[in-house]
All heavy atoms as atom14 arrays in JSON, in Angstrom:
{
  "sequence": "NLARIVVAGHSAGAAGAGPSAGEANDAGEGAGVAR",
  "atom14_mask": [
    [1, 1, 1, 1, 1, 1, 1, 1, 0, 0, 0, 0, 0, 0],
    [1, 1, 1, 1, 1, 1, 1, 1, 0, 0, 0, 0, 0, 0],
    [1, 1, 1, 1, 1, 0, 0, 0, 0, 0, 0, 0, 0, 0],
    [1, 1, 1, 1, 1, 1, 1, 1, 1, 1, 1, 0, 0, 0],
    [1, 1, 1, 1, 1, 1, 1, 1, 0, 0, 0, 0, 0, 0],
    [1, 1, 1, 1, 1, 1, 1, 0, 0, 0, 0, 0, 0, 0],
    [1, 1, 1, 1, 1, 1, 1, 0, 0, 0, 0, 0, 0, 0],
    [1, 1, 1, 1, 1, 0, 0, 0, 0, 0, 0, 0, 0, 0],
    [1, 1, 1, 1, 0, 0, 0, 0, 0, 0, 0, 0, 0, 0],
    [1, 1, 1, 1, 1, 1, 1, 1, 1, 1, 0, 0, 0, 0],
    [1, 1, 1, 1, 1, 1, 0, 0, 0, 0, 0, 0, 0, 0],
    [1, 1, 1, 1, 1, 0, 0, 0, 0, 0, 0, 0, 0, 0],
    [1, 1, 1, 1, 0, 0, 0, 0, 0, 0, 0, 0, 0, 0],
    [1, 1, 1, 1, 1, 0, 0, 0, 0, 0, 0, 0, 0, 0],
    [1, 1, 1, 1, 1, 0, 0, 0, 0, 0, 0, 0, 0, 0],
    [1, 1, 1, 1, 0, 0, 0, 0, 0, 0, 0, 0, 0, 0],
    [1, 1, 1, 1, 1, 0, 0, 0, 0, 0, 0, 0, 0, 0],
    [1, 1, 1, 1, 0, 0, 0, 0, 0, 0, 0, 0, 0, 0],
    [1, 1, 1, 1, 1, 1, 1, 0, 0, 0, 0, 0, 0, 0],
    [1, 1, 1, 1, 1, 1, 0, 0, 0, 0, 0, 0, 0, 0],
    [1, 1, 1, 1, 1, 0, 0, 0, 0, 0, 0, 0, 0, 0],
    [1, 1, 1, 1, 0, 0, 0, 0, 0, 0, 0, 0, 0, 0],
    [1, 1, 1, 1, 1, 1, 1, 1, 1, 0, 0, 0, 0, 0],
    [1, 1, 1, 1, 1, 0, 0, 0, 0, 0, 0, 0, 0, 0],
    [1, 1, 1, 1, 1, 1, 1, 1, 0, 0, 0, 0, 0, 0],
    [1, 1, 1, 1, 1, 1, 1, 1, 0, 0, 0, 0, 0, 0],
    [1, 1, 1, 1, 1, 0, 0, 0, 0, 0, 0, 0, 0, 0],
    [1, 1, 1, 1, 0, 0, 0, 0, 0, 0, 0, 0, 0, 0],
    [1, 1, 1, 1, 1, 1, 1, 1, 1, 0, 0, 0, 0, 0],
    [1, 1, 1, 1, 0, 0, 0, 0, 0, 0, 0, 0, 0, 0],
    [1, 1, 1, 1, 1, 0, 0, 0, 0, 0, 0, 0, 0, 0],
    [1, 1, 1, 1, 0, 0, 0, 0, 0, 0, 0, 0, 0, 0],
    [1, 1, 1, 1, 1, 1, 1, 0, 0, 0, 0, 0, 0, 0],
    [1, 1, 1, 1, 1, 0, 0, 0, 0, 0, 0, 0, 0, 0],
    [1, 1, 1, 1, 1, 1, 1, 1, 1, 1, 1, 0, 0, 0]
  ],
  "atom14_positions": [
    [[70.73, -20.72, 74.23], [69.46, -20.46, 73.56], [68.25, -20.54, 74.5], [67.11, -20.48, 74.05], [69.27, -21.42, 72.39], [70.34, -21.25, 71.34], [70.7, -20.12, 71.0], [70.86, -22.36, 70.82], [0.0, 0.0, 0.0], [0.0, 0.0, 0.0], [0.0, 0.0, 0.0], [0.0, 0.0, 0.0], [0.0, 0.0, 0.0], [0.0, 0.0, 0.0]],
    [[68.52, -20.67, 75.8], [67.42, -20.76, 76.76], [66.68, -19.42, 76.82], [67.26, -18.36, 77.04], [67.96, -21.09, 78.14], [66.92, -21.26, 79.24], [66.04, -22.47, 78.97], [67.58, -21.4, 80.6], [0.0, 0.0, 0.0], [0.0, 0.0, 0.0], [0.0, 0.0, 0.0], [0.0, 0.0, 0.0], [0.0, 0.0, 0.0], [0.0, 0.0, 0.0]],
    [[65.35, -19.48, 76.61], [64.56, -18.25, 76.55], [63.35, -18.27, 77.48], [62.72, -17.25, 77.69], [64.08, -18.0, 75.12], [0.0, 0.0, 0.0], [0.0, 0.0, 0.0], [0.0, 0.0, 0.0], [0.0, 0.0, 0.0], [0.0, 0.0, 0.0], [0.0, 0.0, 0.0], [0.0, 0.0, 0.0], [0.0, 0.0, 0.0], [0.0, 0.0, 0.0]],
    [[63.03, -19.43, 78.03], [61.81, -19.52, 78.83], [62.03, -20.49, 80.0], [62.54, -21.58, 79.81], [60.64, -20.0, 77.99], [59.33, -20.09, 78.73], [58.19, -20.47, 77.8], [56.93, -20.49, 78.52], [55.79, -20.04, 78.05], [55.75, -19.51, 76.85], [54.69, -20.11, 78.76], [0.0, 0.0, 0.0], [0.0, 0.0, 0.0], [0.0, 0.0, 0.0]],
    [[61.62, -20.04, 81.18], [61.74, -20.88, 82.37], [60.4, -20.93, 83.08], [59.75, -19.9, 83.27], [62.81, -20.35, 83.34], [64.2, -20.43, 82.7], [62.79, -21.11, 84.66], [65.28, -19.86, 83.57], [0.0, 0.0, 0.0], [0.0, 0.0, 0.0], [0.0, 0.0, 0.0], [0.0, 0.0, 0.0], [0.0, 0.0, 0.0], [0.0, 0.0, 0.0]],
    [[59.96, -22.12, 83.44], [58.77, -22.29, 84.25], [59.18, -22.91, 85.59], [59.84, -23.95, 85.6], [57.73, -23.21, 83.55], [56.55, -23.5, 84.48], [57.24, -22.57, 82.26], [0.0, 0.0, 0.0], [0.0, 0.0, 0.0], [0.0, 0.0, 0.0], [0.0, 0.0, 0.0], [0.0, 0.0, 0.0], [0.0, 0.0, 0.0], [0.0, 0.0, 0.0]],
    [[58.84, -22.25, 86.69], [59.04, -22.81, 88.02], [57.66, -23.23, 88.5], [56.79, -22.37, 88.68], [59.68, -21.81, 88.98], [59.89, -22.46, 90.36], [61.0, -21.28, 88.42], [0.0, 0.0, 0.0], [0.0, 0.0, 0.0], [0.0, 0.0, 0.0], [0.0, 0.0, 0.0], [0.0, 0.0, 0.0], [0.0, 0.0, 0.0], [0.0, 0.0, 0.0]],
    [[57.46, -24.52, 88.71], [56.15, -25.02, 89.05], [56.19, -25.79, 90.36], [57.19, -26.42, 90.69], [55.6, -25.91, 87.93], [0.0, 0.0, 0.0], [0.0, 0.0, 0.0], [0.0, 0.0, 0.0], [0.0, 0.0, 0.0], [0.0, 0.0, 0.0], [0.0, 0.0, 0.0], [0.0, 0.0, 0.0], [0.0, 0.0, 0.0], [0.0, 0.0, 0.0]],
    [[55.09, -25.73, 91.09], [54.99, -26.49, 92.32], [53.56, -26.93, 92.55], [52.62, -26.25, 92.14], [0.0, 0.0, 0.0], [0.0, 0.0, 0.0], [0.0, 0.0, 0.0], [0.0, 0.0, 0.0], [0.0, 0.0, 0.0], [0.0, 0.0, 0.0], [0.0, 0.0, 0.0], [0.0, 0.0, 0.0], [0.0, 0.0, 0.0], [0.0, 0.0, 0.0]],
    [[53.4, -28.07, 93.21], [52.07, -28.59, 93.51], [51.95, -28.81, 95.01], [52.9, -29.25, 95.66], [51.83, -29.92, 92.78], [50.55, -30.59, 93.14], [50.48, -31.64, 94.0], [49.26, -30.34, 92.76], [49.21, -32.04, 94.14], [48.46, -31.26, 93.39], [0.0, 0.0, 0.0], [0.0, 0.0, 0.0], [0.0, 0.0, 0.0], [0.0, 0.0, 0.0]],
    [[50.82, -28.46, 95.58], [50.59, -28.63, 97.01], [51.65, -27.87, 97.78], [51.84, -26.68, 97.57], [50.6, -30.13, 97.33], [50.25, -30.36, 98.67], [0.0, 0.0, 0.0], [0.0, 0.0, 0.0], [0.0, 0.0, 0.0], [0.0, 0.0, 0.0], [0.0, 0.0, 0.0], [0.0, 0.0, 0.0], [0.0, 0.0, 0.0], [0.0, 0.0, 0.0]],
    [[52.4, -28.53, 98.67], [53.41, -27.82, 99.46], [54.48, -27.2, 98.58], [55.06, -26.17, 98.91], [54.06, -28.78, 100.46], [0.0, 0.0, 0.0], [0.0, 0.0, 0.0], [0.0, 0.0, 0.0], [0.0, 0.0, 0.0], [0.0, 0.0, 0.0], [0.0, 0.0, 0.0], [0.0, 0.0, 0.0], [0.0, 0.0, 0.0], [0.0, 0.0, 0.0]],
    [[54.74, -27.81, 97.43], [55.73, -27.27, 96.51], [55.35, -25.93, 95.95], [56.21, -25.14, 95.56], [0.0, 0.0, 0.0], [0.0, 0.0, 0.0], [0.0, 0.0, 0.0], [0.0, 0.0, 0.0], [0.0, 0.0, 0.0], [0.0, 0.0, 0.0], [0.0, 0.0, 0.0], [0.0, 0.0, 0.0], [0.0, 0.0, 0.0], [0.0, 0.0, 0.0]],
    [[54.04, -25.64, 95.92], [53.58, -24.36, 95.41], [54.05, -23.23, 96.33], [54.32, -22.13, 95.87], [52.07, -24.34, 95.31], [0.0, 0.0, 0.0], [0.0, 0.0, 0.0], [0.0, 0.0, 0.0], [0.0, 0.0, 0.0], [0.0, 0.0, 0.0], [0.0, 0.0, 0.0], [0.0, 0.0, 0.0], [0.0, 0.0, 0.0], [0.0, 0.0, 0.0]],
    [[54.17, -23.53, 97.62], [54.62, -22.51, 98.57], [56.05, -22.12, 98.31], [56.44, -20.97, 98.49], [54.47, -23.06, 100.01], [0.0, 0.0, 0.0], [0.0, 0.0, 0.0], [0.0, 0.0, 0.0], [0.0, 0.0, 0.0], [0.0, 0.0, 0.0], [0.0, 0.0, 0.0], [0.0, 0.0, 0.0], [0.0, 0.0, 0.0], [0.0, 0.0, 0.0]],
    [[56.86, -23.07, 97.85], [58.24, -22.77, 97.57], [58.46, -22.22, 96.17], [59.36, -21.42, 95.94], [0.0, 0.0, 0.0], [0.0, 0.0, 0.0], [0.0, 0.0, 0.0], [0.0, 0.0, 0.0], [0.0, 0.0, 0.0], [0.0, 0.0, 0.0], [0.0, 0.0, 0.0], [0.0, 0.0, 0.0], [0.0, 0.0, 0.0], [0.0, 0.0, 0.0]],
    [[57.65, -22.65, 95.22], [57.83, -22.22, 93.85], [57.6, -20.74, 93.67], [58.36, -20.04, 93.0], [56.88, -23.0, 92.92], [0.0, 0.0, 0.0], [0.0, 0.0, 0.0], [0.0, 0.0, 0.0], [0.0, 0.0, 0.0], [0.0, 0.0, 0.0], [0.0, 0.0, 0.0], [0.0, 0.0, 0.0], [0.0, 0.0, 0.0], [0.0, 0.0, 0.0]],
    [[56.54, -20.21, 94.3], [56.23, -18.8, 94.11], [57.29, -17.87, 94.67], [57.86, -17.08, 93.93], [0.0, 0.0, 0.0], [0.0, 0.0, 0.0], [0.0, 0.0, 0.0], [0.0, 0.0, 0.0], [0.0, 0.0, 0.0], [0.0, 0.0, 0.0], [0.0, 0.0, 0.0], [0.0, 0.0, 0.0], [0.0, 0.0, 0.0], [0.0, 0.0, 0.0]],
    [[57.61, -17.94, 95.98], [58.6, -17.02, 96.53], [59.98, -17.17, 95.92], [60.65, -16.18, 95.67], [58.61, -17.4, 98.03], [57.29, -18.02, 98.25], [56.96, -18.76, 96.98], [0.0, 0.0, 0.0], [0.0, 0.0, 0.0], [0.0, 0.0, 0.0], [0.0, 0.0, 0.0], [0.0, 0.0, 0.0], [0.0, 0.0, 0.0], [0.0, 0.0, 0.0]],
    [[60.43, -18.39, 95.67], [61.79, -18.56, 95.13], [61.88, -18.01, 93.73], [62.88, -17.43, 93.33], [62.2, -20.04, 95.17], [61.31, -20.83, 94.41], [0.0, 0.0, 0.0], [0.0, 0.0, 0.0], [0.0, 0.0, 0.0], [0.0, 0.0, 0.0], [0.0, 0.0, 0.0], [0.0, 0.0, 0.0], [0.0, 0.0, 0.0], [0.0, 0.0, 0.0]],
    [[60.83, -18.22, 92.93], [60.83, -17.69, 91.57], [60.77, -16.17, 91.59], [61.45, -15.5, 90.83], [59.66, -18.26, 90.79], [0.0, 0.0, 0.0], [0.0, 0.0, 0.0], [0.0, 0.0, 0.0], [0.0, 0.0, 0.0], [0.0, 0.0, 0.0], [0.0, 0.0, 0.0], [0.0, 0.0, 0.0], [0.0, 0.0, 0.0], [0.0, 0.0, 0.0]],
    [[59.95, -15.63, 92.49], [59.84, -14.19, 92.59], [61.16, -13.56, 93.0], [61.58, -12.55, 92.48], [0.0, 0.0, 0.0], [0.0, 0.0, 0.0], [0.0, 0.0, 0.0], [0.0, 0.0, 0.0], [0.0, 0.0, 0.0], [0.0, 0.0, 0.0], [0.0, 0.0, 0.0], [0.0, 0.0, 0.0], [0.0, 0.0, 0.0], [0.0, 0.0, 0.0]],
    [[61.85, -14.2, 93.95], [63.14, -13.7, 94.41], [64.14, -13.69, 93.26], [64.87, -12.73, 93.05], [63.65, -14.55, 95.56], [65.0, -14.11, 96.09], [65.45, -15.01, 97.24], [64.65, -15.8, 97.74], [66.63, -14.88, 97.63], [0.0, 0.0, 0.0], [0.0, 0.0, 0.0], [0.0, 0.0, 0.0], [0.0, 0.0, 0.0], [0.0, 0.0, 0.0]],
    [[64.16, -14.8, 92.5], [65.11, -14.89, 91.41], [64.77, -13.92, 90.3], [65.65, -13.44, 89.6], [65.12, -16.32, 90.86], [0.0, 0.0, 0.0], [0.0, 0.0, 0.0], [0.0, 0.0, 0.0], [0.0, 0.0, 0.0], [0.0, 0.0, 0.0], [0.0, 0.0, 0.0], [0.0, 0.0, 0.0], [0.0, 0.0, 0.0], [0.0, 0.0, 0.0]],
    [[63.49, -13.6, 90.15], [63.09, -12.71, 89.08], [63.36, -11.25, 89.41], [63.57, -10.43, 88.53], [61.6, -12.89, 88.81], [61.18, -12.31, 87.48], [61.96, -12.27, 86.54], [59.94, -11.88, 87.39], [0.0, 0.0, 0.0], [0.0, 0.0, 0.0], [0.0, 0.0, 0.0], [0.0, 0.0, 0.0], [0.0, 0.0, 0.0], [0.0, 0.0, 0.0]],
    [[63.37, -10.89, 90.71], [63.45, -9.51, 91.11], [64.81, -9.09, 91.66], [65.18, -7.93, 91.6], [62.4, -9.2, 92.19], [60.98, -9.37, 91.66], [60.81, -9.21, 90.44], [60.08, -9.68, 92.44], [0.0, 0.0, 0.0], [0.0, 0.0, 0.0], [0.0, 0.0, 0.0], [0.0, 0.0, 0.0], [0.0, 0.0, 0.0], [0.0, 0.0, 0.0]],
    [[65.53, -10.03, 92.22], [66.82, -9.67, 92.84], [67.8, -9.18, 91.8], [67.85, -9.66, 90.69], [67.39, -10.9, 93.58], [0.0, 0.0, 0.0], [0.0, 0.0, 0.0], [0.0, 0.0, 0.0], [0.0, 0.0, 0.0], [0.0, 0.0, 0.0], [0.0, 0.0, 0.0], [0.0, 0.0, 0.0], [0.0, 0.0, 0.0], [0.0, 0.0, 0.0]],
    [[68.62, -8.21, 92.18], [69.56, -7.67, 91.22], [70.98, -8.19, 91.41], [71.9, -7.7, 90.76], [0.0, 0.0, 0.0], [0.0, 0.0, 0.0], [0.0, 0.0, 0.0], [0.0, 0.0, 0.0], [0.0, 0.0, 0.0], [0.0, 0.0, 0.0], [0.0, 0.0, 0.0], [0.0, 0.0, 0.0], [0.0, 0.0, 0.0], [0.0, 0.0, 0.0]],
    [[71.19, -9.16, 92.27], [72.54, -9.61, 92.53], [72.84, -10.91, 91.82], [71.99, -11.77, 91.65], [72.74, -9.81, 94.04], [71.75, -10.82, 94.63], [71.67, -10.75, 96.14], [71.6, -9.62, 96.65], [71.69, -11.81, 96.78], [0.0, 0.0, 0.0], [0.0, 0.0, 0.0], [0.0, 0.0, 0.0], [0.0, 0.0, 0.0], [0.0, 0.0, 0.0]],
    [[74.08, -11.04, 91.36], [74.47, -12.27, 90.68], [74.17, -12.24, 89.2], [73.08, -11.84, 88.78], [0.0, 0.0, 0.0], [0.0, 0.0, 0.0], [0.0, 0.0, 0.0], [0.0, 0.0, 0.0], [0.0, 0.0, 0.0], [0.0, 0.0, 0.0], [0.0, 0.0, 0.0], [0.0, 0.0, 0.0], [0.0, 0.0, 0.0], [0.0, 0.0, 0.0]],
    [[75.14, -12.62, 88.39], [74.95, -12.58, 86.95], [73.8, -13.46, 86.49], [73.04, -13.1, 85.62], [76.25, -13.01, 86.25], [0.0, 0.0, 0.0], [0.0, 0.0, 0.0], [0.0, 0.0, 0.0], [0.0, 0.0, 0.0], [0.0, 0.0, 0.0], [0.0, 0.0, 0.0], [0.0, 0.0, 0.0], [0.0, 0.0, 0.0], [0.0, 0.0, 0.0]],
    [[73.69, -14.66, 87.1], [72.63, -15.58, 86.7], [71.26, -15.03, 87.01], [70.37, -15.0, 86.15], [0.0, 0.0, 0.0], [0.0, 0.0, 0.0], [0.0, 0.0, 0.0], [0.0, 0.0, 0.0], [0.0, 0.0, 0.0], [0.0, 0.0, 0.0], [0.0, 0.0, 0.0], [0.0, 0.0, 0.0], [0.0, 0.0, 0.0], [0.0, 0.0, 0.0]],
    [[71.07, -14.52, 88.23], [69.78, -13.99, 88.62], [69.46, -12.73, 87.82], [68.33, -12.51, 87.41], [69.77, -13.67, 90.13], [68.5, -12.93, 90.51], [69.88, -14.97, 90.93], [0.0, 0.0, 0.0], [0.0, 0.0, 0.0], [0.0, 0.0, 0.0], [0.0, 0.0, 0.0], [0.0, 0.0, 0.0], [0.0, 0.0, 0.0], [0.0, 0.0, 0.0]],
    [[70.48, -11.91, 87.54], [70.25, -10.71, 86.74], [69.73, -11.07, 85.36], [68.86, -10.4, 84.81], [71.54, -9.91, 86.62], [0.0, 0.0, 0.0], [0.0, 0.0, 0.0], [0.0, 0.0, 0.0], [0.0, 0.0, 0.0], [0.0, 0.0, 0.0], [0.0, 0.0, 0.0], [0.0, 0.0, 0.0], [0.0, 0.0, 0.0], [0.0, 0.0, 0.0]],
    [[70.24, -12.16, 84.8], [69.77, -12.55, 83.48], [68.31, -13.02, 83.54], [67.56, -12.84, 82.6], [70.66, -13.67, 82.9], [70.26, -14.05, 81.48], [71.33, -14.89, 80.8], [70.89, -15.21, 79.46], [70.42, -16.39, 79.08], [70.35, -17.36, 79.94], [70.02, -16.6, 77.84], [0.0, 0.0, 0.0], [0.0, 0.0, 0.0], [0.0, 0.0, 0.0]]
  ]
}
């Protein structure tokens, strides 16, 4: 029933949160990432 995911980062963590979330949101490989 999972319908919403928030990837959040503060300070240095913000640098990792944005790119990693974008990669997972856009990449077409892997069943999990595709979902």
